[in-house]
C-alpha atoms as a PDB file:
ATOM      1  CA  UNK A   1     -58.718  67.981 -29.322  1.00  0.00           C
ATOM      2  CA  UNK A   2     -61.602  68.669 -31.724  1.00  0.00           C
ATOM      3  CA  UNK A   3     -64.504  66.280 -31.757  1.00  0.00           C
ATOM      4  CA  UNK A   4     -62.288  63.549 -30.404  1.00  0.00           C
ATOM      5  CA  UNK A   5     -63.053  64.281 -26.749  1.00  0.00           C
ATOM      6  CA  UNK A   6     -61.586  62.019 -24.084  1.00  0.00           C
ATOM      7  CA  UNK A   7     -63.612  59.580 -22.024  1.00  0.00           C
ATOM      8  CA  UNK A   8     -61.288  58.688 -19.176  1.00  0.00           C
ATOM      9  CA  UNK A   9     -61.868  55.177 -17.975  1.00  0.00           C
ATOM     10  CA  UNK A  10     -61.906  54.029 -14.435  1.00  0.00           C
ATOM     11  CA  UNK A  11     -58.677  52.446 -13.298  1.00  0.00           C
ATOM     12  CA  UNK A  12     -58.476  52.646  -9.557  1.00  0.00           C
ATOM     13  CA  UNK A  13     -56.175  51.550  -6.797  1.00  0.00           C
ATOM     14  CA  UNK A  14     -58.321  49.594  -4.430  1.00  0.00           C
ATOM     15  CA  UNK A  15     -58.893  45.848  -4.629  1.00  0.00           C
ATOM     16  CA  UNK A  16     -61.492  44.566  -7.047  1.00  0.00           C
ATOM     17  CA  UNK A  17     -64.768  46.055  -5.778  1.00  0.00           C
ATOM     18  CA  UNK A  18     -66.855  42.914  -6.009  1.00  0.00           C
ATOM     19  CA  UNK A  19     -64.224  40.891  -4.223  1.00  0.00           C
ATOM     20  CA  UNK A  20     -63.712  43.347  -1.412  1.00  0.00           C
ATOM     21  CA  UNK A  21     -67.434  43.319  -0.675  1.00  0.00           C
ATOM     22  CA  UNK A  22     -67.205  39.741   0.536  1.00  0.00           C
ATOM     23  CA  UNK A  23     -68.720  37.877  -2.409  1.00  0.00           C
ATOM     24  CA  UNK A  24     -65.799  35.460  -2.519  1.00  0.00           C
ATOM     25  CA  UNK A  25     -65.512  35.058   1.215  1.00  0.00           C
ATOM     26  CA  UNK A  26     -69.075  33.791   1.324  1.00  0.00           C
ATOM     27  CA  UNK A  27     -68.209  30.849  -0.912  1.00  0.00           C
ATOM     28  CA  UNK A  28     -67.271  27.386   0.314  1.00  0.00           C
ATOM     29  CA  UNK A  29     -63.518  27.455   0.897  1.00  0.00           C
ATOM     30  CA  UNK A  30     -63.411  23.733   0.117  1.00  0.00           C
ATOM     31  CA  UNK A  31     -64.686  24.438  -3.381  1.00  0.00           C
ATOM     32  CA  UNK A  32     -61.630  24.450  -5.712  1.00  0.00           C
ATOM     33  CA  UNK A  33     -63.095  27.260  -7.831  1.00  0.00           C
ATOM     34  CA  UNK A  34     -63.737  29.362  -4.728  1.00  0.00           C
ATOM     35  CA  UNK A  35     -60.137  28.775  -3.694  1.00  0.00           C
ATOM     36  CA  UNK A  36     -58.937  29.919  -7.105  1.00  0.00           C
ATOM     37  CA  UNK A  37     -61.077  33.043  -6.872  1.00  0.00           C
ATOM     38  CA  UNK A  38     -59.537  33.845  -3.506  1.00  0.00           C
ATOM     39  CA  UNK A  39     -56.078  33.233  -4.943  1.00  0.00           C
ATOM     40  CA  UNK A  40     -56.784  35.576  -7.852  1.00  0.00           C
ATOM     41  CA  UNK A  41     -57.985  38.262  -5.446  1.00  0.00           C
ATOM     42  CA  UNK A  42     -54.819  37.931  -3.387  1.00  0.00           C
ATOM     43  CA  UNK A  43     -52.594  38.265  -6.454  1.00  0.00           C
ATOM     44  CA  UNK A  44     -54.503  41.347  -7.566  1.00  0.00           C
ATOM     45  CA  UNK A  45     -54.196  42.988  -4.161  1.00  0.00           C
ATOM     46  CA  UNK A  46     -50.436  42.387  -4.247  1.00  0.00           C
ATOM     47  CA  UNK A  47     -50.228  44.087  -7.630  1.00  0.00           C
ATOM     48  CA  UNK A  48     -49.719  40.938  -9.718  1.00  0.00           C
ATOM     49  CA  UNK A  49     -52.571  41.515 -12.136  1.00  0.00           C
ATOM     50  CA  UNK A  50     -51.168  39.214 -14.814  1.00  0.00           C
ATOM     51  CA  UNK A  51     -51.221  36.267 -12.421  1.00  0.00           C
ATOM     52  CA  UNK A  52     -54.726  37.182 -11.277  1.00  0.00           C
ATOM     53  CA  UNK A  53     -55.844  37.324 -14.908  1.00  0.00           C
ATOM     54  CA  UNK A  54     -54.238  33.968 -15.621  1.00  0.00           C
ATOM     55  CA  UNK A  55     -56.212  32.403 -12.755  1.00  0.00           C
ATOM     56  CA  UNK A  56     -59.506  33.978 -13.815  1.00  0.00           C
ATOM     57  CA  UNK A  57     -59.009  32.658 -17.339  1.00  0.00           C
ATOM     58  CA  UNK A  58     -58.263  29.188 -15.970  1.00  0.00           C
ATOM     59  CA  UNK A  59     -61.526  29.335 -14.013  1.00  0.00           C
ATOM     60  CA  UNK A  60     -63.399  30.219 -17.200  1.00  0.00           C
ATOM     61  CA  UNK A  61     -61.900  27.157 -18.872  1.00  0.00           C
ATOM     62  CA  UNK A  62     -63.631  25.082 -16.187  1.00  0.00           C
ATOM     63  CA  UNK A  63     -66.739  27.214 -15.665  1.00  0.00           C
ATOM     64  CA  UNK A  64     -67.379  29.451 -18.702  1.00  0.00           C
ATOM     65  CA  UNK A  65     -70.376  31.069 -16.987  1.00  0.00           C
ATOM     66  CA  UNK A  66     -68.619  31.991 -13.735  1.00  0.00           C
ATOM     67  CA  UNK A  67     -69.744  35.526 -12.912  1.00  0.00           C
ATOM     68  CA  UNK A  68     -66.819  36.602 -10.741  1.00  0.00           C
ATOM     69  CA  UNK A  69     -64.263  35.347 -13.240  1.00  0.00           C
ATOM     70  CA  UNK A  70     -66.036  36.956 -16.202  1.00  0.00           C
ATOM     71  CA  UNK A  71     -66.410  40.456 -14.863  1.00  0.00           C
ATOM     72  CA  UNK A  72     -63.000  40.528 -13.227  1.00  0.00           C
ATOM     73  CA  UNK A  73     -61.366  39.300 -16.435  1.00  0.00           C
ATOM     74  CA  UNK A  74     -62.960  42.168 -18.342  1.00  0.00           C
ATOM     75  CA  UNK A  75     -61.996  44.601 -15.593  1.00  0.00           C
ATOM     76  CA  UNK A  76     -58.331  43.582 -15.564  1.00  0.00           C
ATOM     77  CA  UNK A  77     -58.100  43.690 -19.353  1.00  0.00           C
ATOM     78  CA  UNK A  78     -59.424  47.260 -19.249  1.00  0.00           C
ATOM     79  CA  UNK A  79     -56.778  48.207 -16.694  1.00  0.00           C
ATOM     80  CA  UNK A  80     -54.135  46.524 -18.830  1.00  0.00           C
ATOM     81  CA  UNK A  81     -55.256  48.380 -21.949  1.00  0.00           C
ATOM     82  CA  UNK A  82     -54.837  51.740 -20.265  1.00  0.00           C
ATOM     83  CA  UNK A  83     -51.157  51.067 -19.633  1.00  0.00           C
ATOM     84  CA  UNK A  84     -50.332  50.285 -23.268  1.00  0.00           C
ATOM     85  CA  UNK A  85     -48.315  52.809 -25.249  1.00  0.00           C
ATOM     86  CA  UNK A  86     -48.816  51.200 -28.682  1.00  0.00           C
ATOM     87  CA  UNK A  87     -52.190  52.098 -30.184  1.00  0.00           C
ATOM     88  CA  UNK A  88     -52.792  48.760 -31.921  1.00  0.00           C
ATOM     89  CA  UNK A  89     -52.121  46.817 -28.728  1.00  0.00           C
ATOM     90  CA  UNK A  90     -54.302  49.126 -26.673  1.00  0.00           C
ATOM     91  CA  UNK A  91     -57.253  48.847 -29.038  1.00  0.00           C
ATOM     92  CA  UNK A  92     -56.959  45.059 -29.218  1.00  0.00           C
ATOM     93  CA  UNK A  93     -56.945  44.707 -25.428  1.00  0.00           C
ATOM     94  CA  UNK A  94     -59.904  47.062 -25.029  1.00  0.00           C
ATOM     95  CA  UNK A  95     -61.815  44.935 -27.526  1.00  0.00           C
ATOM     96  CA  UNK A  96     -60.950  41.811 -25.543  1.00  0.00           C
ATOM     97  CA  UNK A  97     -62.183  43.526 -22.382  1.00  0.00           C
ATOM     98  CA  UNK A  98     -65.429  44.454 -24.113  1.00  0.00           C
ATOM     99  CA  UNK A  99     -65.898  40.914 -25.435  1.00  0.00           C
ATOM    100  CA  UNK A 100     -65.668  39.492 -21.907  1.00  0.00           C
ATOM    101  CA  UNK A 101     -67.926  42.256 -20.585  1.00  0.00           C
ATOM    102  CA  UNK A 102     -70.618  41.512 -23.146  1.00  0.00           C
ATOM    103  CA  UNK A 103     -70.321  37.805 -22.418  1.00  0.00           C
ATOM    104  CA  UNK A 104     -70.751  38.550 -18.720  1.00  0.00           C
ATOM    105  CA  UNK A 105     -73.817  40.673 -19.472  1.00  0.00           C
ATOM    106  CA  UNK A 106     -75.301  37.994 -21.713  1.00  0.00           C
ATOM    107  CA  UNK A 107     -74.916  35.334 -19.036  1.00  0.00           C
ATOM    108  CA  UNK A 108     -75.615  37.483 -15.970  1.00  0.00           C
ATOM    109  CA  UNK A 109     -77.931  40.356 -16.962  1.00  0.00           C
ATOM    110  CA  UNK A 110     -79.254  40.558 -13.396  1.00  0.00           C
ATOM    111  CA  UNK A 111     -75.843  41.413 -11.925  1.00  0.00           C
ATOM    112  CA  UNK A 112     -74.719  45.054 -11.574  1.00  0.00           C
ATOM    113  CA  UNK A 113     -71.040  44.392 -12.343  1.00  0.00           C
ATOM    114  CA  UNK A 114     -72.053  42.943 -15.718  1.00  0.00           C
ATOM    115  CA  UNK A 115     -73.427  46.341 -16.695  1.00  0.00           C
ATOM    116  CA  UNK A 116     -70.539  48.201 -15.112  1.00  0.00           C
ATOM    117  CA  UNK A 117     -67.788  46.413 -17.057  1.00  0.00           C
ATOM    118  CA  UNK A 118     -69.651  46.950 -20.349  1.00  0.00           C
ATOM    119  CA  UNK A 119     -69.770  50.686 -19.589  1.00  0.00           C
ATOM    120  CA  UNK A 120     -66.130  50.704 -18.520  1.00  0.00           C
ATOM    121  CA  UNK A 121     -64.764  48.857 -21.542  1.00  0.00           C
ATOM    122  CA  UNK A 122     -66.985  50.916 -23.866  1.00  0.00           C
ATOM    123  CA  UNK A 123     -65.531  54.113 -22.396  1.00  0.00           C
ATOM    124  CA  UNK A 124     -61.984  52.898 -22.869  1.00  0.00           C
ATOM    125  CA  UNK A 125     -62.477  51.771 -26.450  1.00  0.00           C
ATOM    126  CA  UNK A 126     -64.403  54.937 -27.346  1.00  0.00           C
ATOM    127  CA  UNK A 127     -61.514  57.030 -26.087  1.00  0.00           C
ATOM    128  CA  UNK A 128     -59.112  54.997 -28.220  1.00  0.00           C
ATOM    129  CA  UNK A 129     -60.991  55.136 -31.522  1.00  0.00           C
ATOM    130  CA  UNK A 130     -61.105  57.934 -34.085  1.00  0.00           C
ATOM    131  CA  UNK A 131     -64.495  59.470 -34.734  1.00  0.00           C
ATOM    132  CA  UNK A 132     -66.792  56.883 -36.262  1.00  0.00           C
ATOM    133  CA  UNK A 133     -70.288  55.453 -35.973  1.00  0.00           C
ATOM    134  CA  UNK A 134     -68.808  52.700 -33.779  1.00  0.00           C
ATOM    135  CA  UNK A 135     -67.401  55.306 -31.407  1.00  0.00           C
ATOM    136  CA  UNK A 136     -70.768  57.070 -31.141  1.00  0.00           C
ATOM    137  CA  UNK A 137     -72.426  53.729 -30.343  1.00  0.00           C
ATOM    138  CA  UNK A 138     -69.861  53.066 -27.605  1.00  0.00           C
ATOM    139  CA  UNK A 139     -70.570  56.470 -26.051  1.00  0.00           C
ATOM    140  CA  UNK A 140     -74.279  55.637 -25.967  1.00  0.00           C
ATOM    141  CA  UNK A 141     -73.455  52.266 -24.401  1.00  0.00           C
ATOM    142  CA  UNK A 142     -71.303  53.901 -21.754  1.00  0.00           C
ATOM    143  CA  UNK A 143     -74.240  56.044 -20.648  1.00  0.00           C
ATOM    144  CA  UNK A 144     -76.796  53.236 -20.735  1.00  0.00           C
ATOM    145  CA  UNK A 145     -74.796  50.664 -18.820  1.00  0.00           C
ATOM    146  CA  UNK A 146     -73.236  53.061 -16.311  1.00  0.00           C
ATOM    147  CA  UNK A 147     -76.721  54.187 -15.322  1.00  0.00           C
ATOM    148  CA  UNK A 148     -77.945  50.623 -15.109  1.00  0.00           C
ATOM    149  CA  UNK A 149     -75.038  49.762 -12.818  1.00  0.00           C
ATOM    150  CA  UNK A 150     -75.928  52.711 -10.569  1.00  0.00           C
ATOM    151  CA  UNK A 151     -79.598  51.760 -10.476  1.00  0.00           C
ATOM    152  CA  UNK A 152     -78.839  48.134  -9.644  1.00  0.00           C
ATOM    153  CA  UNK A 153     -76.254  48.938  -6.968  1.00  0.00           C
ATOM    154  CA  UNK A 154     -76.404  52.561  -5.760  1.00  0.00           C
ATOM    155  CA  UNK A 155     -73.723  51.818  -3.153  1.00  0.00           C
ATOM    156  CA  UNK A 156     -71.095  51.022  -5.792  1.00  0.00           C
ATOM    157  CA  UNK A 157     -68.788  54.049  -5.972  1.00  0.00           C
ATOM    158  CA  UNK A 158     -67.047  53.189  -9.289  1.00  0.00           C
ATOM    159  CA  UNK A 159     -70.385  53.271 -11.133  1.00  0.00           C
ATOM    160  CA  UNK A 160     -71.104  56.774  -9.823  1.00  0.00           C
ATOM    161  CA  UNK A 161     -67.606  57.813 -10.876  1.00  0.00           C
ATOM    162  CA  UNK A 162     -68.156  56.519 -14.390  1.00  0.00           C
ATOM    163  CA  UNK A 163     -71.531  58.284 -14.629  1.00  0.00           C
ATOM    164  CA  UNK A 164     -69.831  61.485 -13.476  1.00  0.00           C
ATOM    165  CA  UNK A 165     -67.151  61.149 -16.139  1.00  0.00           C
ATOM    166  CA  UNK A 166     -69.830  60.727 -18.794  1.00  0.00           C
ATOM    167  CA  UNK A 167     -71.536  63.953 -17.713  1.00  0.00           C
ATOM    168  CA  UNK A 168     -68.238  65.835 -17.475  1.00  0.00           C
ATOM    169  CA  UNK A 169     -67.074  64.951 -20.960  1.00  0.00           C
ATOM    170  CA  UNK A 170     -70.403  65.187 -22.790  1.00  0.00           C
ATOM    171  CA  UNK A 171     -71.491  68.418 -21.080  1.00  0.00           C
ATOM    172  CA  UNK A 172     -68.454  70.264 -22.389  1.00  0.00           C
ATOM    173  CA  UNK A 173     -68.667  69.394 -26.066  1.00  0.00           C
ATOM    174  CA  UNK A 174     -69.366  72.482 -28.148  1.00  0.00           C
ATOM    175  CA  UNK A 175     -72.435  72.824 -30.357  1.00  0.00           C
ATOM    176  CA  UNK A 176     -70.144  72.809 -33.377  1.00  0.00           C
ATOM    177  CA  UNK A 177     -68.623  69.496 -32.327  1.00  0.00           C
ATOM    178  CA  UNK A 178     -72.058  68.003 -31.691  1.00  0.00           C
ATOM    179  CA  UNK A 179     -73.313  69.159 -35.071  1.00  0.00           C
ATOM    180  CA  UNK A 180     -70.257  67.762 -36.848  1.00  0.00           C
ATOM    181  CA  UNK A 181     -70.663  64.414 -35.120  1.00  0.00           C
ATOM    182  CA  UNK A 182     -74.396  64.303 -35.919  1.00  0.00           C
ATOM    183  CA  UNK A 183     -73.905  65.091 -39.595  1.00  0.00           C
ATOM    184  CA  UNK A 184     -71.205  62.483 -40.151  1.00  0.00           C
ATOM    185  CA  UNK A 185     -71.499  59.709 -37.579  1.00  0.00           C
ATOM    186  CA  UNK A 186     -74.776  60.006 -35.662  1.00  0.00           C
ATOM    187  CA  UNK A 187     -76.183  61.946 -32.732  1.00  0.00           C
ATOM    188  CA  UNK A 188     -74.392  62.111 -29.401  1.00  0.00           C
ATOM    189  CA  UNK A 189     -76.469  61.613 -26.240  1.00  0.00           C
ATOM    190  CA  UNK A 190     -78.128  64.665 -24.692  1.00  0.00           C
ATOM    191  CA  UNK A 191     -78.780  65.488 -21.046  1.00  0.00           C
ATOM    192  CA  UNK A 192     -75.232  65.807 -19.724  1.00  0.00           C
ATOM    193  CA  UNK A 193     -74.598  68.649 -17.241  1.00  0.00           C
ATOM    194  CA  UNK A 194     -71.661  69.914 -15.210  1.00  0.00           C
ATOM    195  CA  UNK A 195     -73.875  69.967 -12.135  1.00  0.00           C
ATOM    196  CA  UNK A 196     -74.499  66.233 -12.441  1.00  0.00           C
ATOM    197  CA  UNK A 197     -70.828  65.600 -13.201  1.00  0.00           C
ATOM    198  CA  UNK A 198     -69.765  67.264  -9.964  1.00  0.00           C
ATOM    199  CA  UNK A 199     -72.556  65.644  -7.958  1.00  0.00           C
ATOM    200  CA  UNK A 200     -71.709  62.135  -9.136  1.00  0.00           C
ATOM    201  CA  UNK A 201     -67.931  62.505  -8.874  1.00  0.00           C
ATOM    202  CA  UNK A 202     -68.245  63.928  -5.368  1.00  0.00           C
ATOM    203  CA  UNK A 203     -70.595  61.109  -4.454  1.00  0.00           C
ATOM    204  CA  UNK A 204     -68.042  58.524  -5.568  1.00  0.00           C
ATOM    205  CA  UNK A 205     -65.357  60.260  -3.498  1.00  0.00           C
ATOM    206  CA  UNK A 206     -67.588  60.426  -0.429  1.00  0.00           C
ATOM    207  CA  UNK A 207     -68.193  56.689  -0.752  1.00  0.00           C
ATOM    208  CA  UNK A 208     -64.474  55.894  -0.992  1.00  0.00           C
ATOM    209  CA  UNK A 209     -61.887  58.529  -0.069  1.00  0.00           C
ATOM    210  CA  UNK A 210     -58.940  56.266  -0.916  1.00  0.00           C
ATOM    211  CA  UNK A 211     -59.286  56.142  -4.694  1.00  0.00           C
ATOM    212  CA  UNK A 212     -56.822  58.514  -6.322  1.00  0.00           C
ATOM    213  CA  UNK A 213     -58.521  58.462  -9.715  1.00  0.00           C
ATOM    214  CA  UNK A 214     -61.878  59.599  -8.347  1.00  0.00           C
ATOM    215  CA  UNK A 215     -60.240  62.776  -7.031  1.00  0.00           C
ATOM    216  CA  UNK A 216     -58.032  63.239 -10.079  1.00  0.00           C
ATOM    217  CA  UNK A 217     -61.002  63.179 -12.421  1.00  0.00           C
ATOM    218  CA  UNK A 218     -62.884  65.691 -10.268  1.00  0.00           C
ATOM    219  CA  UNK A 219     -59.819  67.960 -10.304  1.00  0.00           C
ATOM    220  CA  UNK A 220     -59.605  67.613 -14.079  1.00  0.00           C
ATOM    221  CA  UNK A 221     -63.292  68.489 -14.386  1.00  0.00           C
ATOM    222  CA  UNK A 222     -62.808  71.608 -12.264  1.00  0.00           C
ATOM    223  CA  UNK A 223     -59.742  72.604 -14.276  1.00  0.00           C
ATOM    224  CA  UNK A 224     -61.479  72.137 -17.619  1.00  0.00           C
ATOM    225  CA  UNK A 225     -64.507  74.159 -16.489  1.00  0.00           C
ATOM    226  CA  UNK A 226     -62.433  77.088 -15.227  1.00  0.00           C
ATOM    227  CA  UNK A 227     -62.663  76.285 -11.520  1.00  0.00           C
ATOM    228  CA  UNK A 228     -58.921  76.322 -10.909  1.00  0.00           C
ATOM    229  CA  UNK A 229     -59.087  77.089  -7.191  1.00  0.00           C
ATOM    230  CA  UNK A 230     -61.218  74.012  -6.581  1.00  0.00           C
ATOM    231  CA  UNK A 231     -58.954  71.948  -8.817  1.00  0.00           C
ATOM    232  CA  UNK A 232     -55.905  72.975  -6.795  1.00  0.00           C
ATOM    233  CA  UNK A 233     -57.589  72.049  -3.526  1.00  0.00           C
ATOM    234  CA  UNK A 234     -58.346  68.544  -4.811  1.00  0.00           C
ATOM    235  CA  UNK A 235     -54.879  68.103  -6.308  1.00  0.00           C
ATOM    236  CA  UNK A 236     -53.250  69.057  -3.008  1.00  0.00           C
ATOM    237  CA  UNK A 237     -55.140  66.266  -1.250  1.00  0.00           C
ATOM    238  CA  UNK A 238     -54.042  63.793  -3.943  1.00  0.00           C
ATOM    239  CA  UNK A 239     -50.376  64.664  -3.482  1.00  0.00           C
ATOM    240  CA  UNK A 240     -50.646  63.561   0.139  1.00  0.00           C
ATOM    241  CA  UNK A 241     -51.974  60.129  -0.863  1.00  0.00           C
ATOM    242  CA  UNK A 242     -49.849  56.985  -1.039  1.00  0.00           C
ATOM    243  CA  UNK A 243     -49.827  54.914  -4.247  1.00  0.00           C
ATOM    244  CA  UNK A 244     -50.888  51.283  -3.958  1.00  0.00           C
ATOM    245  CA  UNK A 245     -51.029  49.959  -7.516  1.00  0.00           C
ATOM    246  CA  UNK A 246     -48.966  50.676 -10.613  1.00  0.00           C
ATOM    247  CA  UNK A 247     -51.869  52.722 -11.943  1.00  0.00           C
ATOM    248  CA  UNK A 248     -51.706  54.932  -8.861  1.00  0.00           C
ATOM    249  CA  UNK A 249     -48.202  55.995  -9.873  1.00  0.00           C
ATOM    250  CA  UNK A 250     -49.485  57.129 -13.279  1.00  0.00           C
ATOM    251  CA  UNK A 251     -52.316  59.050 -11.643  1.00  0.00           C
ATOM    252  CA  UNK A 252     -50.057  60.702  -9.063  1.00  0.00           C
ATOM    253  CA  UNK A 253     -47.711  61.786 -11.844  1.00  0.00           C
ATOM    254  CA  UNK A 254     -50.607  63.390 -13.700  1.00  0.00           C
ATOM    255  CA  UNK A 255     -51.824  65.052 -10.497  1.00  0.00           C
ATOM    256  CA  UNK A 256     -48.378  66.604  -9.949  1.00  0.00           C
ATOM    257  CA  UNK A 257     -48.263  67.843 -13.539  1.00  0.00           C
ATOM    258  CA  UNK A 258     -51.705  69.427 -13.244  1.00  0.00           C
ATOM    259  CA  UNK A 259     -50.809  70.977  -9.901  1.00  0.00           C
ATOM    260  CA  UNK A 260     -47.648  72.539 -11.350  1.00  0.00           C
ATOM    261  CA  UNK A 261     -49.671  73.948 -14.249  1.00  0.00           C
ATOM    262  CA  UNK A 262     -52.032  75.722 -11.870  1.00  0.00           C
ATOM    263  CA  UNK A 263     -49.758  77.110  -9.155  1.00  0.00           C
END
């Protein structure tokens, strides 16, 4: 893979994290915007992400600063980008996701999800781009905003997962790759370790056992660091899980492929 190492973004199977925590339920049900937010959540939980996105965008037409609509719009665009098979379409959708994430951060810098979606979209776009100074900047942004999301809401499992992914990928770049990147595009962040990668990924799993991607990324980390026995143990647990979203089917397929490689 050379210096173009992968930064796997978080696309998980549970309902939107902010929504499931009750932030929408606390709103006045007689408020038309609150009703639309609830409707969008329901569509997402049923797997109709396009309809959910359509509703969030309609809310932003009425209330351009609406926090829930902004971060969820970015989040769904990031999920959508991952499923694209045409590079140009994927890059364009990641950039749209990042635009909404940055807008959310600009308008709601005190909210943890604002930082999380910037980190998430940055990771996705960085993984999609060839080596460049822009890609290096996105990798720095992923680290900065993932850590801010963790600090602001330490009970938010997806932020720990994203921090773990950052450590896993950056810790396993060779010195040669780092030197090449530094000479041409700019320095990559330091401080990544496999110990932290495993700690953070396991923490995310302990906080939510039902997310297939959390376990898949830990299995991938174990496999790529020569811990095949541990990888197999995690993959076996994944194969017993039931898919909920369309992304779960992709992740289960990858889990089966990895399992077959290792047995």
